[in-house]
Amino acid sequence: MQLSELKNCYERKKPEIKKRLEDFKKVWERPDEDVFVELCFCLLTPQSKARAANRAIKSLLEKKILFSGNKEHILKELTNAGVRFPENKAKYIVEAKEFFSKNEKIDIKSKLNRGTAYAKREWLVENIKGLGYKEASHFLRNIGLGFELAILDRHIMKNLMKYGIIDEIPECLSKKCYLLFEEKMKKFSKQIDIPLADLDLFFWSEETGEIFK
């Protein structure tokens, strides 16, 4: 796909992309529990399909397990939903719940309500087990606080390589490599005049066939 074709395809999807981004912005206005749900979704996504992660979250909420269940209860739902590495991810959710609990309630917004998106990401990576740069960026984008961050999953990097922005997709992204690729994607975003968050959703939809999250 040439750059002109990329821009034309983006223009066709732009209304739906913009609507999705507006949805993300509204999450931050909702209760702390809703913000925490997005964190849990992002904890489930590494090496798992987004739909499987979403299926697991829906089940946990419907059965009222996410906030009150123990590790074994959560593990069962993750396994049933087809989430990979469910043992570790169930543990991450329980630990995150404990970390953000205050007087038996979830208190997450107060901890994120300071600093730049980059500072928030660093804090999340340092404090929340199971969150790397991709997952922390994904979470912040999904709650409307990280539109300037790149979410470098395999779908996005495949497109970065396709357009010659990067030379190869590495097996593992170190912090240095992640930040370098992020900067390259930001420059490409400016070059083609498509905002970074829009470009991420566009690339993701080109690979998966849908604009999801």
Foldseek 3Di string as FASTA:
>chain_A
DDLVVLVVLLVVCVVVLVVQLVQLQCQLVDDLVSLLLLLLLLLQPVVFDSQLSVQLSVVCVVVVCLLPNALVVSLVSSVVSPGPPSNVSSVLSRVVNVVQDDPSDGHDSVVQVDDALVVSLVVCCVPRPSDDSLSSLSSCSSNNRRQLWANDDPLLVVVCCVVPLDVDDDPDADPVNRVVSSVSLCVVCVVSVHRRSSSRQSSVCVVVVDRDD
